């Protein structure tokens, strides 16, 4: 395969779950979506890529970026980010080839972890800020706060990309479980047509 298009994304919301009557991410409101679109070669090496961020008024420009992707990669994205975007998104968005790192870990392990936990143990990196602050930045809504919100969302996308690339290259992910025990979980993020086992999954 040559010239595979991959898209990494992350969503920040206007509210937290404590602000709404239930646990429907679609009721949180989306403040910003950051997207990293890239092309990789047949070995999974990045050929080119660029980061973009979209505020709510720009969402219509965002959907074509997702439509071009062979794989749309996020972290806990199927049960959160995709659902948070549902009130804004075209009907086809949820049917695109979403690839959720968290969900993939849960398929092969009885435990998973937060993105920050995984990044810390796998990459020796940490998120630059806390998700609660993203809501605060949106509420404050001054130029400096919105700049911090954009920076945080883009940093989350970058760390998601780096975790994904580590797993692609090393076929393993590291994290500490709730007992503070370091876990090493084997994963294979190859595209199905590259695998000897052609068994179909619900996503592909």
N, C-alpha and C. Protein backbone atom coordinates (compact mmCIF):
# COMPACT_ATOMS: atom_id res chain seq x y z
N UNK A 1 0.85 -1.19 0.00
CA UNK A 1 0.00 0.00 0.00
C UNK A 1 0.88 1.24 0.00
N UNK A 2 0.56 2.18 -0.87
CA UNK A 2 1.29 3.43 -0.92
C UNK A 2 0.35 4.58 -0.61
N UNK A 3 0.90 5.59 0.04
CA UNK A 3 0.13 6.80 0.26
C UNK A 3 -1.13 6.62 1.08
N UNK A 4 -1.02 5.98 2.24
CA UNK A 4 -2.18 5.81 3.12
C UNK A 4 -2.42 7.10 3.89
N UNK A 5 -3.66 7.55 3.89
CA UNK A 5 -4.04 8.75 4.64
C UNK A 5 -4.57 8.35 6.01
N UNK A 6 -3.96 8.90 7.05
CA UNK A 6 -4.42 8.69 8.42
C UNK A 6 -4.76 10.03 9.06
N UNK A 7 -5.79 10.03 9.90
CA UNK A 7 -6.20 11.24 10.60
C UNK A 7 -6.29 10.94 12.09
N UNK A 8 -5.62 11.73 12.89
CA UNK A 8 -5.71 11.66 14.35
C UNK A 8 -6.54 12.84 14.82
N UNK A 9 -7.38 12.63 15.83
CA UNK A 9 -8.19 13.77 16.28
C UNK A 9 -8.50 13.69 17.77
N UNK A 10 -8.85 14.86 18.30
CA UNK A 10 -9.28 14.95 19.69
C UNK A 10 -10.30 16.08 19.80
N UNK A 11 -11.24 15.89 20.71
CA UNK A 11 -12.34 16.83 20.91
C UNK A 11 -12.26 17.41 22.31
N UNK A 12 -12.47 18.70 22.44
CA UNK A 12 -12.65 19.32 23.75
C UNK A 12 -14.09 19.82 23.85
N UNK A 13 -14.66 19.70 25.04
CA UNK A 13 -16.07 20.04 25.22
C UNK A 13 -16.27 21.31 26.04
N UNK A 14 -17.49 21.86 25.93
CA UNK A 14 -17.83 23.09 26.63
C UNK A 14 -18.26 22.83 28.08
N UNK A 15 -18.67 21.60 28.35
CA UNK A 15 -19.14 21.24 29.68
C UNK A 15 -18.49 19.94 30.12
N UNK A 16 -18.66 19.60 31.39
CA UNK A 16 -18.28 18.30 31.92
C UNK A 16 -19.54 17.52 32.25
N UNK A 17 -19.41 16.23 32.52
CA UNK A 17 -20.59 15.41 32.77
C UNK A 17 -21.41 15.88 33.97
N UNK A 18 -20.76 16.50 34.96
CA UNK A 18 -21.48 17.01 36.13
C UNK A 18 -22.45 18.14 35.75
N UNK A 19 -22.25 18.74 34.57
CA UNK A 19 -23.08 19.86 34.13
C UNK A 19 -24.33 19.41 33.38
N UNK A 20 -24.43 18.12 33.04
CA UNK A 20 -25.57 17.64 32.26
C UNK A 20 -26.31 16.54 33.03
N UNK A 21 -27.57 16.25 32.65
CA UNK A 21 -28.39 15.33 33.45
C UNK A 21 -28.04 13.86 33.31
N UNK A 22 -27.27 13.49 32.30
CA UNK A 22 -26.91 12.08 32.11
C UNK A 22 -25.50 12.00 31.55
N UNK A 23 -25.13 10.83 31.04
CA UNK A 23 -23.76 10.64 30.55
C UNK A 23 -23.72 10.57 29.03
N UNK A 24 -24.52 11.42 28.38
CA UNK A 24 -24.55 11.48 26.93
C UNK A 24 -23.53 12.53 26.46
N UNK A 25 -22.41 12.11 25.86
CA UNK A 25 -21.40 13.08 25.40
C UNK A 25 -21.96 14.10 24.41
N UNK A 26 -23.03 13.74 23.72
CA UNK A 26 -23.63 14.65 22.75
C UNK A 26 -24.23 15.89 23.37
N UNK A 27 -24.40 15.89 24.69
CA UNK A 27 -24.99 17.04 25.38
C UNK A 27 -23.93 17.97 25.97
N UNK A 28 -22.66 17.63 25.80
CA UNK A 28 -21.58 18.41 26.40
C UNK A 28 -21.23 19.66 25.58
N UNK A 29 -21.51 19.62 24.29
CA UNK A 29 -21.12 20.71 23.40
C UNK A 29 -19.64 20.64 23.10
N UNK A 30 -19.27 20.86 21.86
CA UNK A 30 -17.86 20.79 21.45
C UNK A 30 -17.32 22.20 21.22
N UNK A 31 -16.21 22.49 21.86
CA UNK A 31 -15.58 23.81 21.70
C UNK A 31 -14.59 23.83 20.55
N UNK A 32 -13.79 22.78 20.44
CA UNK A 32 -12.74 22.72 19.42
C UNK A 32 -12.41 21.27 19.08
N UNK A 33 -12.01 21.05 17.85
CA UNK A 33 -11.52 19.74 17.40
C UNK A 33 -10.16 19.97 16.75
N UNK A 34 -9.16 19.25 17.20
CA UNK A 34 -7.84 19.31 16.57
C UNK A 34 -7.62 18.03 15.77
N UNK A 35 -7.03 18.19 14.60
CA UNK A 35 -6.89 17.09 13.64
C UNK A 35 -5.47 17.10 13.07
N UNK A 36 -4.84 15.94 13.09
CA UNK A 36 -3.55 15.78 12.44
C UNK A 36 -3.73 14.82 11.28
N UNK A 37 -3.59 15.33 10.08
CA UNK A 37 -3.74 14.52 8.88
C UNK A 37 -2.36 14.23 8.29
N UNK A 38 -2.12 12.99 7.92
CA UNK A 38 -0.82 12.64 7.38
C UNK A 38 -0.93 11.55 6.32
N UNK A 39 0.16 11.39 5.60
CA UNK A 39 0.32 10.29 4.66
C UNK A 39 1.46 9.42 5.17
N UNK A 40 1.24 8.10 5.17
CA UNK A 40 2.31 7.17 5.53
C UNK A 40 2.59 6.24 4.36
N UNK A 41 3.82 5.74 4.30
CA UNK A 41 4.18 4.82 3.23
C UNK A 41 3.81 3.39 3.62
N UNK A 42 4.21 2.43 2.79
CA UNK A 42 3.83 1.03 3.02
C UNK A 42 4.44 0.46 4.29
N UNK A 43 5.45 1.12 4.83
CA UNK A 43 6.06 0.68 6.08
C UNK A 43 5.53 1.41 7.30
N UNK A 44 4.53 2.26 7.07
CA UNK A 44 3.94 3.00 8.17
C UNK A 44 4.73 4.24 8.56
N UNK A 45 5.71 4.61 7.76
CA UNK A 45 6.52 5.79 8.05
C UNK A 45 5.84 7.03 7.49
N UNK A 46 5.84 8.08 8.29
CA UNK A 46 5.17 9.32 7.88
C UNK A 46 5.92 9.99 6.75
N UNK A 47 5.18 10.32 5.68
CA UNK A 47 5.74 11.03 4.53
C UNK A 47 5.53 12.53 4.69
N UNK A 48 4.33 12.90 5.10
CA UNK A 48 4.02 14.30 5.39
C UNK A 48 2.83 14.35 6.34
N UNK A 49 2.68 15.49 7.00
CA UNK A 49 1.56 15.63 7.92
C UNK A 49 1.44 17.05 8.43
N UNK A 50 0.23 17.43 8.82
CA UNK A 50 0.04 18.78 9.36
C UNK A 50 -1.14 18.79 10.33
N UNK A 51 -1.06 19.69 11.30
CA UNK A 51 -2.07 19.85 12.34
C UNK A 51 -3.00 21.00 11.98
N UNK A 52 -4.29 20.79 12.23
CA UNK A 52 -5.29 21.83 12.07
C UNK A 52 -6.22 21.80 13.27
N UNK A 53 -6.78 22.95 13.62
CA UNK A 53 -7.79 22.99 14.66
C UNK A 53 -9.02 23.72 14.14
N UNK A 54 -10.19 23.26 14.56
CA UNK A 54 -11.45 23.80 14.07
C UNK A 54 -12.33 24.20 15.23
N UNK A 55 -12.70 25.48 15.27
CA UNK A 55 -13.73 25.93 16.20
C UNK A 55 -15.09 25.58 15.62
N UNK A 56 -16.12 25.69 16.44
CA UNK A 56 -17.46 25.25 16.02
C UNK A 56 -17.90 25.85 14.69
N UNK A 57 -17.60 27.13 14.48
CA UNK A 57 -18.05 27.79 13.24
C UNK A 57 -17.31 27.28 12.01
N UNK A 58 -16.24 26.51 12.23
CA UNK A 58 -15.45 26.00 11.10
C UNK A 58 -15.66 24.51 10.84
N UNK A 59 -16.58 23.88 11.57
CA UNK A 59 -16.73 22.43 11.47
C UNK A 59 -17.05 21.95 10.05
N UNK A 60 -17.77 22.73 9.28
CA UNK A 60 -18.13 22.29 7.93
C UNK A 60 -16.89 22.06 7.06
N UNK A 61 -15.81 22.77 7.38
CA UNK A 61 -14.56 22.59 6.63
C UNK A 61 -13.81 21.33 7.09
N UNK A 62 -14.22 20.79 8.22
CA UNK A 62 -13.50 19.69 8.85
C UNK A 62 -13.90 18.32 8.32
N UNK A 63 -15.17 18.15 8.01
CA UNK A 63 -15.66 16.80 7.65
C UNK A 63 -14.96 16.20 6.44
N UNK A 64 -14.64 16.97 5.38
CA UNK A 64 -13.91 16.37 4.26
C UNK A 64 -12.55 15.80 4.65
N UNK A 65 -11.91 16.37 5.67
CA UNK A 65 -10.61 15.85 6.12
C UNK A 65 -10.77 14.42 6.62
N UNK A 66 -11.82 14.18 7.39
CA UNK A 66 -12.09 12.83 7.89
C UNK A 66 -12.46 11.88 6.76
N UNK A 67 -13.20 12.37 5.80
CA UNK A 67 -13.71 11.50 4.72
C UNK A 67 -12.59 10.89 3.88
N UNK A 68 -11.43 11.54 3.87
CA UNK A 68 -10.32 11.07 3.04
C UNK A 68 -9.45 10.02 3.73
N UNK A 69 -9.74 9.72 5.00
CA UNK A 69 -8.83 8.88 5.79
C UNK A 69 -9.11 7.38 5.62
N UNK A 70 -8.03 6.64 5.55
CA UNK A 70 -8.10 5.17 5.60
C UNK A 70 -8.39 4.72 7.03
N UNK A 71 -7.89 5.49 7.98
CA UNK A 71 -8.09 5.18 9.40
C UNK A 71 -8.15 6.51 10.17
N UNK A 72 -9.19 6.66 11.02
CA UNK A 72 -9.37 7.84 11.86
C UNK A 72 -9.06 7.42 13.29
N UNK A 73 -7.98 7.95 13.85
CA UNK A 73 -7.42 7.42 15.09
C UNK A 73 -7.65 8.39 16.25
N UNK A 74 -8.15 7.84 17.35
CA UNK A 74 -8.35 8.62 18.56
C UNK A 74 -8.12 7.76 19.78
N UNK A 75 -8.35 8.35 20.94
CA UNK A 75 -8.23 7.61 22.19
C UNK A 75 -9.55 7.72 22.94
N UNK A 76 -10.20 6.58 23.16
CA UNK A 76 -11.57 6.53 23.69
C UNK A 76 -12.51 7.34 22.81
N UNK A 77 -12.21 7.36 21.53
CA UNK A 77 -12.93 8.22 20.60
C UNK A 77 -14.29 7.68 20.20
N UNK A 78 -14.45 6.37 20.14
CA UNK A 78 -15.73 5.80 19.70
C UNK A 78 -16.82 6.06 20.73
N UNK A 79 -16.49 5.98 22.00
CA UNK A 79 -17.50 6.16 23.04
C UNK A 79 -17.55 7.59 23.59
N UNK A 80 -16.63 8.45 23.14
CA UNK A 80 -16.69 9.83 23.60
C UNK A 80 -16.65 10.84 22.46
N UNK A 81 -15.54 10.96 21.77
CA UNK A 81 -15.38 12.02 20.78
C UNK A 81 -16.41 11.93 19.65
N UNK A 82 -16.61 10.72 19.12
CA UNK A 82 -17.58 10.55 18.04
C UNK A 82 -18.99 10.91 18.51
N UNK A 83 -19.33 10.51 19.72
CA UNK A 83 -20.66 10.81 20.28
C UNK A 83 -20.81 12.29 20.60
N UNK A 84 -19.73 12.91 21.08
CA UNK A 84 -19.77 14.35 21.36
C UNK A 84 -20.02 15.14 20.08
N UNK A 85 -19.49 14.65 18.97
CA UNK A 85 -19.64 15.34 17.68
C UNK A 85 -20.96 15.02 16.98
N UNK A 86 -21.71 14.07 17.48
CA UNK A 86 -22.93 13.61 16.79
C UNK A 86 -23.90 14.75 16.46
N UNK A 87 -24.16 15.70 17.38
CA UNK A 87 -25.10 16.78 17.04
C UNK A 87 -24.62 17.68 15.90
N UNK A 88 -23.33 17.67 15.62
CA UNK A 88 -22.76 18.54 14.59
C UNK A 88 -22.47 17.80 13.29
N UNK A 89 -22.25 16.51 13.39
CA UNK A 89 -21.64 15.74 12.30
C UNK A 89 -22.66 15.30 11.26
N UNK A 90 -22.21 15.14 10.02
CA UNK A 90 -23.06 14.49 9.00
C UNK A 90 -23.28 13.03 9.39
N UNK A 91 -24.35 12.44 8.87
CA UNK A 91 -24.73 11.08 9.26
C UNK A 91 -23.63 10.05 9.00
N UNK A 92 -22.82 10.30 7.99
CA UNK A 92 -21.81 9.30 7.62
C UNK A 92 -20.61 9.27 8.58
N UNK A 93 -20.46 10.30 9.40
CA UNK A 93 -19.25 10.42 10.21
C UNK A 93 -19.01 9.20 11.10
N UNK A 94 -20.04 8.74 11.80
CA UNK A 94 -19.88 7.60 12.71
C UNK A 94 -19.57 6.30 11.97
N UNK A 95 -19.86 6.26 10.66
CA UNK A 95 -19.65 5.04 9.88
C UNK A 95 -18.27 5.00 9.22
N UNK A 96 -17.51 6.05 9.37
CA UNK A 96 -16.17 6.09 8.80
C UNK A 96 -15.25 5.13 9.57
N UNK A 97 -14.06 4.83 9.03
CA UNK A 97 -13.17 3.83 9.65
C UNK A 97 -12.46 4.34 10.91
N UNK A 98 -13.22 4.46 12.00
CA UNK A 98 -12.65 4.91 13.27
C UNK A 98 -11.82 3.80 13.90
N UNK A 99 -10.71 4.20 14.48
CA UNK A 99 -9.78 3.27 15.12
C UNK A 99 -9.44 3.83 16.49
N UNK A 100 -9.95 3.21 17.52
CA UNK A 100 -9.86 3.71 18.89
C UNK A 100 -8.78 2.93 19.65
N UNK A 101 -7.69 3.62 20.00
CA UNK A 101 -6.58 2.96 20.69
C UNK A 101 -7.05 2.33 22.00
N UNK A 102 -7.84 3.05 22.76
CA UNK A 102 -8.35 2.53 24.04
C UNK A 102 -9.16 1.25 23.82
N UNK A 103 -10.05 1.28 22.83
CA UNK A 103 -10.88 0.10 22.54
C UNK A 103 -10.04 -1.08 22.08
N UNK A 104 -8.98 -0.81 21.33
CA UNK A 104 -8.10 -1.88 20.87
C UNK A 104 -7.36 -2.53 22.04
N UNK A 105 -6.95 -1.72 23.01
CA UNK A 105 -6.31 -2.28 24.21
C UNK A 105 -7.30 -3.16 24.98
N UNK A 106 -8.54 -2.69 25.10
CA UNK A 106 -9.56 -3.44 25.84
C UNK A 106 -9.90 -4.77 25.17
N UNK A 107 -9.69 -4.87 23.88
CA UNK A 107 -9.96 -6.12 23.17
C UNK A 107 -9.02 -7.24 23.62
N UNK A 108 -7.82 -6.88 24.04
CA UNK A 108 -6.80 -7.89 24.35
C UNK A 108 -6.36 -7.87 25.81
N UNK A 109 -6.89 -6.94 26.59
CA UNK A 109 -6.49 -6.83 27.99
C UNK A 109 -7.70 -6.58 28.87
N UNK A 110 -7.70 -7.16 30.07
CA UNK A 110 -8.80 -6.91 31.00
C UNK A 110 -8.71 -5.53 31.61
N UNK A 111 -7.58 -4.86 31.44
CA UNK A 111 -7.38 -3.52 31.96
C UNK A 111 -6.89 -2.61 30.84
N UNK A 112 -7.22 -1.34 30.99
CA UNK A 112 -6.64 -0.32 30.12
C UNK A 112 -6.24 0.85 31.02
N UNK A 113 -6.03 2.02 30.46
CA UNK A 113 -5.58 3.14 31.27
C UNK A 113 -5.87 4.43 30.53
N UNK A 114 -5.63 5.53 31.19
CA UNK A 114 -5.82 6.84 30.57
C UNK A 114 -4.70 7.09 29.55
N UNK A 115 -4.94 8.03 28.67
CA UNK A 115 -3.92 8.40 27.69
C UNK A 115 -2.66 8.89 28.39
N UNK A 116 -2.83 9.66 29.45
CA UNK A 116 -1.68 10.20 30.17
C UNK A 116 -0.85 9.08 30.80
N UNK A 117 -1.53 8.11 31.39
CA UNK A 117 -0.86 6.96 32.00
C UNK A 117 -0.06 6.19 30.95
N UNK A 118 -0.69 5.93 29.82
CA UNK A 118 -0.04 5.19 28.75
C UNK A 118 1.16 5.96 28.20
N UNK A 119 0.97 7.26 27.96
CA UNK A 119 2.06 8.07 27.42
C UNK A 119 3.23 8.12 28.39
N UNK A 120 2.93 8.21 29.68
CA UNK A 120 3.99 8.31 30.68
C UNK A 120 4.84 7.04 30.69
N UNK A 121 4.21 5.88 30.66
CA UNK A 121 4.94 4.62 30.75
C UNK A 121 5.53 4.18 29.41
N UNK A 122 4.82 4.48 28.32
CA UNK A 122 5.26 4.03 27.00
C UNK A 122 6.27 4.97 26.37
N UNK A 123 6.04 6.28 26.54
CA UNK A 123 6.86 7.28 25.85
C UNK A 123 7.72 8.13 26.78
N UNK A 124 7.47 8.00 28.09
CA UNK A 124 8.08 8.91 29.06
C UNK A 124 7.70 10.36 28.76
N UNK A 125 6.42 10.55 28.38
CA UNK A 125 5.85 11.88 28.14
C UNK A 125 4.57 11.99 28.94
N UNK A 126 4.15 13.24 29.18
CA UNK A 126 2.88 13.47 29.85
C UNK A 126 2.10 14.55 29.12
N UNK A 127 0.77 14.54 29.32
CA UNK A 127 -0.07 15.59 28.76
C UNK A 127 0.34 16.94 29.35
N UNK A 128 0.13 18.00 28.58
CA UNK A 128 0.59 19.32 29.01
C UNK A 128 -0.39 20.02 29.95
N UNK A 129 -1.61 19.49 30.08
CA UNK A 129 -2.62 20.16 30.89
C UNK A 129 -3.69 19.15 31.28
N UNK A 130 -4.68 19.62 32.03
CA UNK A 130 -5.77 18.78 32.50
C UNK A 130 -7.04 19.07 31.70
N UNK A 131 -7.81 18.03 31.41
CA UNK A 131 -9.03 18.19 30.64
C UNK A 131 -10.04 19.16 31.25
N UNK A 132 -10.08 19.23 32.57
CA UNK A 132 -10.99 20.16 33.23
C UNK A 132 -10.63 21.61 32.90
N UNK A 133 -9.36 21.87 32.75
CA UNK A 133 -8.93 23.22 32.39
C UNK A 133 -9.41 23.61 31.01
N UNK A 134 -9.59 22.63 30.12
CA UNK A 134 -10.08 22.93 28.77
C UNK A 134 -11.47 23.56 28.84
N UNK A 135 -12.30 23.06 29.75
CA UNK A 135 -13.64 23.63 29.93
C UNK A 135 -13.54 25.03 30.52
N UNK A 136 -12.65 25.20 31.47
CA UNK A 136 -12.42 26.51 32.09
C UNK A 136 -11.93 27.52 31.05
N UNK A 137 -11.02 27.11 30.18
CA UNK A 137 -10.51 28.02 29.15
C UNK A 137 -11.64 28.47 28.23
N UNK A 138 -12.53 27.54 27.90
CA UNK A 138 -13.66 27.89 27.03
C UNK A 138 -14.60 28.87 27.72
N UNK A 139 -14.87 28.63 28.99
CA UNK A 139 -15.75 29.52 29.74
C UNK A 139 -15.15 30.92 29.87
N UNK A 140 -13.85 30.98 30.08
CA UNK A 140 -13.18 32.28 30.22
C UNK A 140 -13.20 33.03 28.90
N UNK A 141 -12.87 32.34 27.82
CA UNK A 141 -13.10 32.78 26.43
C UNK A 141 -12.31 34.02 26.00
N UNK A 142 -11.30 34.41 26.74
CA UNK A 142 -10.46 35.50 26.27
C UNK A 142 -9.40 34.93 25.31
N UNK A 143 -8.68 35.81 24.67
CA UNK A 143 -7.72 35.39 23.64
C UNK A 143 -6.68 34.42 24.20
N UNK A 144 -6.15 34.75 25.37
CA UNK A 144 -5.13 33.89 25.98
C UNK A 144 -5.68 32.51 26.33
N UNK A 145 -6.88 32.46 26.88
CA UNK A 145 -7.48 31.18 27.28
C UNK A 145 -7.80 30.32 26.07
N UNK A 146 -8.31 30.93 25.01
CA UNK A 146 -8.61 30.16 23.79
C UNK A 146 -7.33 29.64 23.15
N UNK A 147 -6.25 30.40 23.26
CA UNK A 147 -4.96 29.93 22.75
C UNK A 147 -4.47 28.73 23.54
N UNK A 148 -4.66 28.76 24.86
CA UNK A 148 -4.29 27.63 25.71
C UNK A 148 -5.14 26.40 25.38
N UNK A 149 -6.42 26.61 25.11
CA UNK A 149 -7.32 25.51 24.75
C UNK A 149 -6.87 24.85 23.46
N UNK A 150 -6.56 25.65 22.46
CA UNK A 150 -6.10 25.13 21.17
C UNK A 150 -4.78 24.36 21.34
N UNK A 151 -3.87 24.94 22.11
CA UNK A 151 -2.57 24.29 22.34
C UNK A 151 -2.75 22.94 23.03
N UNK A 152 -3.64 22.89 24.03
CA UNK A 152 -3.88 21.65 24.77
C UNK A 152 -4.48 20.58 23.86
N UNK A 153 -5.48 20.95 23.07
CA UNK A 153 -6.12 19.97 22.20
C UNK A 153 -5.13 19.43 21.17
N UNK A 154 -4.35 20.30 20.58
CA UNK A 154 -3.36 19.86 19.59
C UNK A 154 -2.29 18.97 20.24
N UNK A 155 -1.91 19.28 21.46
CA UNK A 155 -0.92 18.45 22.17
C UNK A 155 -1.47 17.06 22.45
N UNK A 156 -2.76 16.97 22.76
CA UNK A 156 -3.38 15.66 22.97
C UNK A 156 -3.38 14.84 21.68
N UNK A 157 -3.64 15.50 20.57
CA UNK A 157 -3.59 14.80 19.28
C UNK A 157 -2.17 14.29 19.01
N UNK A 158 -1.19 15.13 19.27
CA UNK A 158 0.21 14.75 19.03
C UNK A 158 0.63 13.57 19.89
N UNK A 159 0.19 13.56 21.15
CA UNK A 159 0.59 12.46 22.03
C UNK A 159 -0.15 11.18 21.66
N UNK A 160 -1.39 11.32 21.17
CA UNK A 160 -2.12 10.16 20.65
C UNK A 160 -1.40 9.56 19.45
N UNK A 161 -0.96 10.43 18.56
CA UNK A 161 -0.19 9.99 17.39
C UNK A 161 1.09 9.27 17.80
N UNK A 162 1.80 9.83 18.77
CA UNK A 162 3.07 9.23 19.19
C UNK A 162 2.87 7.88 19.87
N UNK A 163 1.81 7.74 20.65
CA UNK A 163 1.49 6.44 21.26
C UNK A 163 1.17 5.42 20.16
N UNK A 164 0.35 5.83 19.21
CA UNK A 164 -0.02 4.95 18.10
C UNK A 164 1.23 4.50 17.34
N UNK A 165 2.11 5.44 17.02
CA UNK A 165 3.31 5.10 16.25
C UNK A 165 4.22 4.15 17.03
N UNK A 166 4.30 4.34 18.34
CA UNK A 166 5.11 3.44 19.15
C UNK A 166 4.55 2.01 19.07
N UNK A 167 3.22 1.90 19.16
CA UNK A 167 2.59 0.58 19.10
C UNK A 167 2.79 -0.05 17.72
N UNK A 168 2.65 0.74 16.66
CA UNK A 168 2.86 0.23 15.31
C UNK A 168 4.28 -0.33 15.17
N UNK A 169 5.25 0.39 15.69
CA UNK A 169 6.64 0.01 15.53
C UNK A 169 7.07 -1.12 16.46
N UNK A 170 6.52 -1.13 17.68
CA UNK A 170 7.00 -2.07 18.69
C UNK A 170 6.00 -3.17 19.06
N UNK A 171 4.76 -3.01 18.59
CA UNK A 171 3.69 -3.99 18.83
C UNK A 171 3.47 -4.26 20.32
N UNK A 172 3.62 -3.20 21.12
CA UNK A 172 3.41 -3.32 22.56
C UNK A 172 3.05 -1.95 23.11
N UNK A 173 2.30 -1.93 24.22
CA UNK A 173 2.00 -0.70 24.93
C UNK A 173 2.22 -0.95 26.42
N UNK A 174 2.66 0.08 27.13
CA UNK A 174 2.94 -0.03 28.56
C UNK A 174 2.03 0.93 29.34
N UNK A 175 1.55 0.47 30.48
CA UNK A 175 0.80 1.35 31.38
C UNK A 175 0.74 0.71 32.76
N UNK A 176 0.42 1.51 33.77
CA UNK A 176 0.25 1.00 35.12
C UNK A 176 -1.24 0.84 35.42
N UNK A 177 -1.62 -0.31 35.98
CA UNK A 177 -3.02 -0.53 36.30
C UNK A 177 -3.35 0.13 37.64
N UNK A 178 -4.59 -0.10 38.11
CA UNK A 178 -5.04 0.59 39.32
C UNK A 178 -4.30 0.14 40.58
N UNK A 179 -3.57 -0.96 40.48
CA UNK A 179 -2.74 -1.42 41.59
C UNK A 179 -1.29 -0.95 41.45
N UNK A 180 -1.08 -0.05 40.49
CA UNK A 180 0.25 0.51 40.22
C UNK A 180 1.23 -0.53 39.72
N UNK A 181 0.69 -1.58 39.11
CA UNK A 181 1.52 -2.62 38.51
C UNK A 181 1.73 -2.30 37.04
N UNK A 182 2.97 -2.32 36.60
CA UNK A 182 3.28 -2.04 35.20
C UNK A 182 2.81 -3.19 34.32
N UNK A 183 2.02 -2.86 33.33
CA UNK A 183 1.52 -3.88 32.39
C UNK A 183 2.14 -3.64 31.02
N UNK A 184 2.41 -4.75 30.35
CA UNK A 184 2.94 -4.71 28.99
C UNK A 184 2.00 -5.53 28.11
N UNK A 185 1.29 -4.85 27.23
CA UNK A 185 0.25 -5.50 26.43
C UNK A 185 0.67 -5.53 24.96
N UNK A 186 0.63 -6.70 24.36
CA UNK A 186 0.98 -6.85 22.95
C UNK A 186 -0.19 -6.41 22.07
N UNK A 187 0.11 -5.65 21.04
CA UNK A 187 -0.91 -5.16 20.12
C UNK A 187 -0.35 -5.16 18.70
N UNK A 188 -1.23 -5.36 17.74
CA UNK A 188 -0.84 -5.30 16.34
C UNK A 188 -1.79 -4.35 15.63
N UNK A 189 -1.27 -3.19 15.24
CA UNK A 189 -2.09 -2.18 14.58
C UNK A 189 -1.92 -2.19 13.06
N UNK A 190 -1.40 -3.30 12.52
CA UNK A 190 -1.26 -3.41 11.07
C UNK A 190 -2.64 -3.34 10.41
N UNK A 191 -2.67 -2.86 9.17
CA UNK A 191 -3.91 -2.90 8.41
C UNK A 191 -4.24 -4.35 8.07
N UNK A 192 -5.51 -4.65 8.04
CA UNK A 192 -5.94 -6.04 7.90
C UNK A 192 -5.36 -6.73 6.69
N UNK A 193 -5.27 -5.99 5.57
CA UNK A 193 -4.77 -6.65 4.36
C UNK A 193 -3.30 -7.03 4.48
N UNK A 194 -2.62 -6.49 5.50
CA UNK A 194 -1.22 -6.85 5.72
C UNK A 194 -1.06 -8.04 6.66
N UNK A 195 -2.16 -8.47 7.27
CA UNK A 195 -2.07 -9.54 8.25
C UNK A 195 -2.31 -10.89 7.58
N UNK A 196 -1.66 -11.90 8.14
CA UNK A 196 -1.88 -13.25 7.64
C UNK A 196 -3.30 -13.68 7.95
N UNK A 197 -3.77 -13.33 9.15
CA UNK A 197 -5.13 -13.65 9.56
C UNK A 197 -6.07 -12.61 8.98
N UNK A 198 -6.97 -13.03 8.10
CA UNK A 198 -7.87 -12.11 7.42
C UNK A 198 -9.20 -11.94 8.14
N UNK A 199 -9.28 -12.43 9.36
CA UNK A 199 -10.53 -12.34 10.11
C UNK A 199 -11.01 -10.90 10.19
N UNK A 200 -12.29 -10.68 9.88
CA UNK A 200 -12.85 -9.34 9.88
C UNK A 200 -13.24 -8.94 11.29
N UNK A 201 -13.13 -7.63 11.58
CA UNK A 201 -13.60 -7.09 12.86
C UNK A 201 -14.78 -6.19 12.58
N UNK A 202 -15.38 -5.66 13.63
CA UNK A 202 -16.55 -4.82 13.49
C UNK A 202 -16.19 -3.46 12.87
N UNK A 203 -14.92 -3.08 12.90
CA UNK A 203 -14.54 -1.77 12.37
C UNK A 203 -14.10 -1.81 10.92
N UNK A 204 -13.63 -2.97 10.46
CA UNK A 204 -13.10 -3.05 9.11
C UNK A 204 -13.73 -4.22 8.35
